[in-house]
Amino acid sequence: MTDPATPKRSAKRAKLCSIENANRVATQVADRILSDTAVVKTGNPLQPFRVVLASNAPQGRTVSRVVTCNDDGP
């Protein structure tokens, strides 16, 4: 018997919901917008991580952070 609070996820959803994927997306977003991003825990099993601007990351929920460097010098 499965726990109704824990939804069964497909392999594809598990990959999309992984911390590795969230970090990859956070890096892409940071590169695109030239601003720091953070990966935060949501508490939702269907979307366990979310990418947000680092300045908007809720206190105590940050899992990882991508810091941009805008140094174009030599």
PDB file of N, CA and C in Angstrom:
ATOM      1  N   MET A   1       0.843  -1.171   0.000  1.00  0.00           N
ATOM      2  CA  MET A   1       0.000   0.000   0.000  1.00  0.00           C
ATOM      3  C   MET A   1       0.891   1.239   0.000  1.00  0.00           C
ATOM      4  N   THR A   2       0.563   2.223  -0.831  1.00  0.00           N
ATOM      5  CA  THR A   2       1.368   3.438  -0.902  1.00  0.00           C
ATOM      6  C   THR A   2       0.774   4.524  -0.036  1.00  0.00           C
ATOM      7  N   ASP A   3       1.624   5.401   0.411  1.00  0.00           N
ATOM      8  CA  ASP A   3       1.207   6.535   1.228  1.00  0.00           C
ATOM      9  C   ASP A   3       0.537   7.573   0.334  1.00  0.00           C
ATOM     10  N   PRO A   4      -0.727   7.945   0.569  1.00  0.00           N
ATOM     11  CA  PRO A   4      -1.414   8.893  -0.300  1.00  0.00           C
ATOM     12  C   PRO A   4      -0.787  10.288  -0.269  1.00  0.00           C
ATOM     13  N   ALA A   5      -0.026  10.614   0.766  1.00  0.00           N
ATOM     14  CA  ALA A   5       0.602  11.935   0.859  1.00  0.00           C
ATOM     15  C   ALA A   5       1.822  12.037  -0.055  1.00  0.00           C
ATOM     16  N   THR A   6       2.387  10.892  -0.469  1.00  0.00           N
ATOM     17  CA  THR A   6       3.542  10.881  -1.341  1.00  0.00           C
ATOM     18  C   THR A   6       3.130  10.397  -2.722  1.00  0.00           C
ATOM     19  N   PRO A   7       2.967  11.324  -3.680  1.00  0.00           N
ATOM     20  CA  PRO A   7       2.545  10.905  -5.014  1.00  0.00           C
ATOM     21  C   PRO A   7       3.643  10.125  -5.729  1.00  0.00           C
ATOM     22  N   LYS A   8       3.241   9.133  -6.516  1.00  0.00           N
ATOM     23  CA  LYS A   8       4.196   8.342  -7.281  1.00  0.00           C
ATOM     24  C   LYS A   8       4.622   9.180  -8.485  1.00  0.00           C
ATOM     25  N   ARG A   9       5.954   9.288  -8.660  1.00  0.00           N
ATOM     26  CA  ARG A   9       6.476  10.098  -9.748  1.00  0.00           C
ATOM     27  C   ARG A   9       7.115   9.216 -10.805  1.00  0.00           C
ATOM     28  N   SER A  10       6.959   9.643 -12.043  1.00  0.00           N
ATOM     29  CA  SER A  10       7.618   8.941 -13.136  1.00  0.00           C
ATOM     30  C   SER A  10       9.110   9.265 -13.100  1.00  0.00           C
ATOM     31  N   ALA A  11       9.886   8.495 -13.831  1.00  0.00           N
ATOM     32  CA  ALA A  11      11.329   8.732 -13.896  1.00  0.00           C
ATOM     33  C   ALA A  11      11.614  10.108 -14.500  1.00  0.00           C
ATOM     34  N   LYS A  12      10.819  10.509 -15.466  1.00  0.00           N
ATOM     35  CA  LYS A  12      11.019  11.815 -16.100  1.00  0.00           C
ATOM     36  C   LYS A  12      10.740  12.946 -15.109  1.00  0.00           C
ATOM     37  N   ARG A  13       9.651  12.833 -14.343  1.00  0.00           N
ATOM     38  CA  ARG A  13       9.336  13.861 -13.348  1.00  0.00           C
ATOM     39  C   ARG A  13      10.402  13.888 -12.258  1.00  0.00           C
ATOM     40  N   ALA A  14      10.870  12.721 -11.856  1.00  0.00           N
ATOM     41  CA  ALA A  14      11.915  12.665 -10.831  1.00  0.00           C
ATOM     42  C   ALA A  14      13.164  13.407 -11.302  1.00  0.00           C
ATOM     43  N   LYS A  15      13.521  13.245 -12.571  1.00  0.00           N
ATOM     44  CA  LYS A  15      14.686  13.943 -13.117  1.00  0.00           C
ATOM     45  C   LYS A  15      14.429  15.450 -13.157  1.00  0.00           C
ATOM     46  N   LEU A  16      13.244  15.849 -13.600  1.00  0.00           N
ATOM     47  CA  LEU A  16      12.914  17.271 -13.679  1.00  0.00           C
ATOM     48  C   LEU A  16      12.827  17.919 -12.306  1.00  0.00           C
ATOM     49  N   CYS A  17      12.448  17.152 -11.293  1.00  0.00           N
ATOM     50  CA  CYS A  17      12.288  17.679  -9.935  1.00  0.00           C
ATOM     51  C   CYS A  17      13.556  17.556  -9.091  1.00  0.00           C
ATOM     52  N   SER A  18      14.640  17.103  -9.680  1.00  0.00           N
ATOM     53  CA  SER A  18      15.860  16.864  -8.915  1.00  0.00           C
ATOM     54  C   SER A  18      16.582  18.162  -8.563  1.00  0.00           C
ATOM     55  N   ILE A  19      17.395  18.107  -7.529  1.00  0.00           N
ATOM     56  CA  ILE A  19      18.208  19.263  -7.135  1.00  0.00           C
ATOM     57  C   ILE A  19      19.221  19.573  -8.232  1.00  0.00           C
ATOM     58  N   GLU A  20      19.706  18.552  -8.912  1.00  0.00           N
ATOM     59  CA  GLU A  20      20.658  18.777 -10.004  1.00  0.00           C
ATOM     60  C   GLU A  20      20.025  19.610 -11.121  1.00  0.00           C
ATOM     61  N   ASN A  21      18.802  19.300 -11.465  1.00  0.00           N
ATOM     62  CA  ASN A  21      18.109  20.058 -12.501  1.00  0.00           C
ATOM     63  C   ASN A  21      17.821  21.477 -12.019  1.00  0.00           C
ATOM     64  N   ALA A  22      17.418  21.622 -10.780  1.00  0.00           N
ATOM     65  CA  ALA A  22      17.147  22.960 -10.236  1.00  0.00           C
ATOM     66  C   ALA A  22      18.411  23.810 -10.261  1.00  0.00           C
ATOM     67  N   ASN A  23      19.558  23.233  -9.924  1.00  0.00           N
ATOM     68  CA  ASN A  23      20.820  23.968  -9.976  1.00  0.00           C
ATOM     69  C   ASN A  23      21.192  24.355 -11.403  1.00  0.00           C
ATOM     70  N   ARG A  24      20.932  23.463 -12.346  1.00  0.00           N
ATOM     71  CA  ARG A  24      21.207  23.762 -13.755  1.00  0.00           C
ATOM     72  C   ARG A  24      20.358  24.932 -14.225  1.00  0.00           C
ATOM     73  N   VAL A  25      19.075  24.899 -13.894  1.00  0.00           N
ATOM     74  CA  VAL A  25      18.163  25.978 -14.273  1.00  0.00           C
ATOM     75  C   VAL A  25      18.568  27.289 -13.594  1.00  0.00           C
ATOM     76  N   ALA A  26      18.935  27.222 -12.321  1.00  0.00           N
ATOM     77  CA  ALA A  26      19.359  28.426 -11.591  1.00  0.00           C
ATOM     78  C   ALA A  26      20.573  29.066 -12.259  1.00  0.00           C
ATOM     79  N   THR A  27      21.507  28.251 -12.723  1.00  0.00           N
ATOM     80  CA  THR A  27      22.684  28.774 -13.412  1.00  0.00           C
ATOM     81  C   THR A  27      22.304  29.433 -14.725  1.00  0.00           C
ATOM     82  N   GLN A  28      21.420  28.801 -15.478  1.00  0.00           N
ATOM     83  CA  GLN A  28      20.978  29.376 -16.751  1.00  0.00           C
ATOM     84  C   GLN A  28      20.242  30.698 -16.538  1.00  0.00           C
ATOM     85  N   VAL A  29      19.394  30.751 -15.528  1.00  0.00           N
ATOM     86  CA  VAL A  29      18.658  31.980 -15.235  1.00  0.00           C
ATOM     87  C   VAL A  29      19.624  33.080 -14.802  1.00  0.00           C
ATOM     88  N   ALA A  30      20.556  32.762 -13.923  1.00  0.00           N
ATOM     89  CA  ALA A  30      21.532  33.756 -13.457  1.00  0.00           C
ATOM     90  C   ALA A  30      22.345  34.307 -14.621  1.00  0.00           C
ATOM     91  N   ASP A  31      22.754  33.441 -15.535  1.00  0.00           N
ATOM     92  CA  ASP A  31      23.513  33.883 -16.706  1.00  0.00           C
ATOM     93  C   ASP A  31      22.672  34.786 -17.605  1.00  0.00           C
ATOM     94  N   ARG A  32      21.405  34.473 -17.718  1.00  0.00           N
ATOM     95  CA  ARG A  32      20.520  35.231 -18.603  1.00  0.00           C
ATOM     96  C   ARG A  32      20.195  36.609 -18.035  1.00  0.00           C
ATOM     97  N   ILE A  33      19.887  36.677 -16.744  1.00  0.00           N
ATOM     98  CA  ILE A  33      19.444  37.944 -16.154  1.00  0.00           C
ATOM     99  C   ILE A  33      20.571  38.703 -15.454  1.00  0.00           C
ATOM    100  N   LEU A  34      21.764  38.090 -15.397  1.00  0.00           N
ATOM    101  CA  LEU A  34      22.937  38.704 -14.748  1.00  0.00           C
ATOM    102  C   LEU A  34      22.639  39.124 -13.316  1.00  0.00           C
ATOM    103  N   SER A  35      22.022  38.214 -12.589  1.00  0.00           N
ATOM    104  CA  SER A  35      21.699  38.445 -11.186  1.00  0.00           C
ATOM    105  C   SER A  35      21.793  37.125 -10.431  1.00  0.00           C
ATOM    106  N   ASP A  36      22.056  37.217  -9.139  1.00  0.00           N
ATOM    107  CA  ASP A  36      22.169  36.026  -8.305  1.00  0.00           C
ATOM    108  C   ASP A  36      20.820  35.326  -8.188  1.00  0.00           C
ATOM    109  N   THR A  37      20.857  33.998  -8.212  1.00  0.00           N
ATOM    110  CA  THR A  37      19.652  33.194  -8.043  1.00  0.00           C
ATOM    111  C   THR A  37      19.854  32.221  -6.885  1.00  0.00           C
ATOM    112  N   ALA A  38      18.758  31.649  -6.433  1.00  0.00           N
ATOM    113  CA  ALA A  38      18.810  30.659  -5.367  1.00  0.00           C
ATOM    114  C   ALA A  38      17.837  29.532  -5.668  1.00  0.00           C
ATOM    115  N   VAL A  39      18.173  28.344  -5.217  1.00  0.00           N
ATOM    116  CA  VAL A  39      17.264  27.202  -5.266  1.00  0.00           C
ATOM    117  C   VAL A  39      16.713  27.047  -3.861  1.00  0.00           C
ATOM    118  N   VAL A  40      15.393  27.041  -3.743  1.00  0.00           N
ATOM    119  CA  VAL A  40      14.759  26.946  -2.426  1.00  0.00           C
ATOM    120  C   VAL A  40      13.854  25.724  -2.360  1.00  0.00           C
ATOM    121  N   LYS A  41      13.691  25.204  -1.148  1.00  0.00           N
ATOM    122  CA  LYS A  41      12.754  24.099  -0.902  1.00  0.00           C
ATOM    123  C   LYS A  41      11.340  24.676  -0.869  1.00  0.00           C
ATOM    124  N   THR A  42      10.388  23.954  -1.458  1.00  0.00           N
ATOM    125  CA  THR A  42       9.010  24.435  -1.482  1.00  0.00           C
ATOM    126  C   THR A  42       8.113  23.713  -0.486  1.00  0.00           C
ATOM    127  N   GLY A  43       8.453  22.479  -0.132  1.00  0.00           N
ATOM    128  CA  GLY A  43       7.574  21.684   0.708  1.00  0.00           C
ATOM    129  C   GLY A  43       6.500  20.948  -0.093  1.00  0.00           C
ATOM    130  N   ASN A  44       6.490  21.149  -1.410  1.00  0.00           N
ATOM    131  CA  ASN A  44       5.527  20.504  -2.295  1.00  0.00           C
ATOM    132  C   ASN A  44       6.215  19.322  -2.986  1.00  0.00           C
ATOM    133  N   PRO A  45       5.740  18.092  -2.778  1.00  0.00           N
ATOM    134  CA  PRO A  45       6.409  16.941  -3.376  1.00  0.00           C
ATOM    135  C   PRO A  45       6.375  16.927  -4.908  1.00  0.00           C
ATOM    136  N   LEU A  46       5.422  17.617  -5.514  1.00  0.00           N
ATOM    137  CA  LEU A  46       5.376  17.675  -6.975  1.00  0.00           C
ATOM    138  C   LEU A  46       6.328  18.725  -7.535  1.00  0.00           C
ATOM    139  N   GLN A  47       6.730  19.699  -6.739  1.00  0.00           N
ATOM    140  CA  GLN A  47       7.724  20.696  -7.119  1.00  0.00           C
ATOM    141  C   GLN A  47       8.586  20.979  -5.885  1.00  0.00           C
ATOM    142  N   PRO A  48       9.509  20.062  -5.580  1.00  0.00           N
ATOM    143  CA  PRO A  48      10.254  20.180  -4.332  1.00  0.00           C
ATOM    144  C   PRO A  48      11.226  21.363  -4.294  1.00  0.00           C
ATOM    145  N   PHE A  49      11.643  21.871  -5.466  1.00  0.00           N
ATOM    146  CA  PHE A  49      12.585  22.989  -5.520  1.00  0.00           C
ATOM    147  C   PHE A  49      12.058  24.046  -6.482  1.00  0.00           C
ATOM    148  N   ARG A  50      12.427  25.289  -6.192  1.00  0.00           N
ATOM    149  CA  ARG A  50      12.045  26.401  -7.061  1.00  0.00           C
ATOM    150  C   ARG A  50      13.241  27.335  -7.179  1.00  0.00           C
ATOM    151  N   VAL A  51      13.411  27.908  -8.365  1.00  0.00           N
ATOM    152  CA  VAL A  51      14.470  28.879  -8.598  1.00  0.00           C
ATOM    153  C   VAL A  51      13.873  30.271  -8.431  1.00  0.00           C
ATOM    154  N   VAL A  52      14.532  31.090  -7.608  1.00  0.00           N
ATOM    155  CA  VAL A  52      14.069  32.455  -7.351  1.00  0.00           C
ATOM    156  C   VAL A  52      15.273  33.393  -7.376  1.00  0.00           C
ATOM    157  N   LEU A  53      15.004  34.690  -7.469  1.00  0.00           N
ATOM    158  CA  LEU A  53      16.073  35.658  -7.288  1.00  0.00           C
ATOM    159  C   LEU A  53      16.599  35.496  -5.867  1.00  0.00           C
ATOM    160  N   ALA A  54      17.903  35.555  -5.706  1.00  0.00           N
ATOM    161  CA  ALA A  54      18.496  35.344  -4.388  1.00  0.00           C
ATOM    162  C   ALA A  54      17.955  36.345  -3.370  1.00  0.00           C
ATOM    163  N   SER A  55      17.679  37.562  -3.814  1.00  0.00           N
ATOM    164  CA  SER A  55      17.158  38.582  -2.898  1.00  0.00           C
ATOM    165  C   SER A  55      15.746  38.259  -2.415  1.00  0.00           C
ATOM    166  N   ASN A  56      15.033  37.371  -3.121  1.00  0.00           N
ATOM    167  CA  ASN A  56      13.666  36.991  -2.741  1.00  0.00           C
ATOM    168  C   ASN A  56      13.588  35.620  -2.073  1.00  0.00           C
ATOM    169  N   ALA A  57      14.731  35.004  -1.810  1.00  0.00           N
ATOM    170  CA  ALA A  57      14.737  33.662  -1.224  1.00  0.00           C
ATOM    171  C   ALA A  57      14.233  33.717   0.216  1.00  0.00           C
ATOM    172  N   PRO A  58      13.245  32.878   0.545  1.00  0.00           N
ATOM    173  CA  PRO A  58      12.730  32.851   1.920  1.00  0.00           C
ATOM    174  C   PRO A  58      13.805  32.391   2.902  1.00  0.00           C
ATOM    175  N   GLN A  59      13.836  33.010   4.045  1.00  0.00           N
ATOM    176  CA  GLN A  59      14.807  32.677   5.091  1.00  0.00           C
ATOM    177  C   GLN A  59      14.696  31.199   5.483  1.00  0.00           C
ATOM    178  N   GLY A  60      15.803  30.497   5.501  1.00  0.00           N
ATOM    179  CA  GLY A  60      15.830  29.111   5.960  1.00  0.00           C
ATOM    180  C   GLY A  60      15.411  28.079   4.929  1.00  0.00           C
ATOM    181  N   ARG A  61      15.070  28.476   3.718  1.00  0.00           N
ATOM    182  CA  ARG A  61      14.657  27.511   2.696  1.00  0.00           C
ATOM    183  C   ARG A  61      15.657  27.365   1.562  1.00  0.00           C
ATOM    184  N   THR A  62      16.730  28.154   1.576  1.00  0.00           N
ATOM    185  CA  THR A  62      17.712  28.116   0.498  1.00  0.00           C
ATOM    186  C   THR A  62      18.519  26.832   0.562  1.00  0.00           C
ATOM    187  N   VAL A  63      18.582  26.146  -0.578  1.00  0.00           N
ATOM    188  CA  VAL A  63      19.351  24.911  -0.699  1.00  0.00           C
ATOM    189  C   VAL A  63      20.703  25.214  -1.341  1.00  0.00           C
ATOM    190  N   SER A  64      20.696  26.038  -2.389  1.00  0.00           N
ATOM    191  CA  SER A  64      21.928  26.427  -3.059  1.00  0.00           C
ATOM    192  C   SER A  64      21.738  27.803  -3.665  1.00  0.00           C
ATOM    193  N   ARG A  65      22.860  28.389  -4.075  1.00  0.00           N
ATOM    194  CA  ARG A  65      22.815  29.735  -4.598  1.00  0.00           C
ATOM    195  C   ARG A  65      23.807  29.862  -5.746  1.00  0.00           C
ATOM    196  N   VAL A  66      23.426  30.609  -6.787  1.00  0.00           N
ATOM    197  CA  VAL A  66      24.303  30.892  -7.917  1.00  0.00           C
ATOM    198  C   VAL A  66      24.621  32.380  -7.854  1.00  0.00           C
ATOM    199  N   VAL A  67      25.907  32.685  -7.716  1.00  0.00           N
ATOM    200  CA  VAL A  67      26.344  34.064  -7.628  1.00  0.00           C
ATOM    201  C   VAL A  67      26.982  34.455  -8.942  1.00  0.00           C
ATOM    202  N   THR A  68      26.518  35.545  -9.527  1.00  0.00           N
ATOM    203  CA  THR A  68      27.058  35.993 -10.801  1.00  0.00           C
ATOM    204  C   THR A  68      28.242  36.913 -10.585  1.00  0.00           C
ATOM    205  N   CYS A  69      29.105  36.924 -11.547  1.00  0.00           N
ATOM    206  CA  CYS A  69      30.262  37.821 -11.529  1.00  0.00           C
ATOM    207  C   CYS A  69      30.201  38.657 -12.789  1.00  0.00           C
ATOM    208  N   ASN A  70      30.018  39.931 -12.638  1.00  0.00           N
ATOM    209  CA  ASN A  70      29.906  40.819 -13.793  1.00  0.00           C
ATOM    210  C   ASN A  70      31.226  41.523 -14.090  1.00  0.00           C
ATOM    211  N   ASP A  71      32.336  40.916 -13.748  1.00  0.00           N
ATOM    212  CA  ASP A  71      33.646  41.495 -13.965  1.00  0.00           C
ATOM    213  C   ASP A  71      34.085  41.226 -15.390  1.00  0.00           C
ATOM    214  N   ASP A  72      34.075  42.255 -16.224  1.00  0.00           N
ATOM    215  CA  ASP A  72      34.487  42.103 -17.614  1.00  0.00           C
ATOM    216  C   ASP A  72      35.948  42.482 -17.818  1.00  0.00           C
ATOM    217  N   GLY A  73      36.644  42.783 -16.737  1.00  0.00           N
ATOM    218  CA  GLY A  73      38.034  43.204 -16.815  1.00  0.00           C
ATOM    219  C   GLY A  73      38.965  42.042 -17.095  1.00  0.00           C
ATOM    220  N   PRO A  74      40.255  42.361 -17.338  1.00  0.00           N
ATOM    221  CA  PRO A  74      41.244  41.317 -17.652  1.00  0.00           C
ATOM    222  C   PRO A  74      41.557  40.398 -16.500  1.00  0.00           C
TER     223      PRO A  74
END
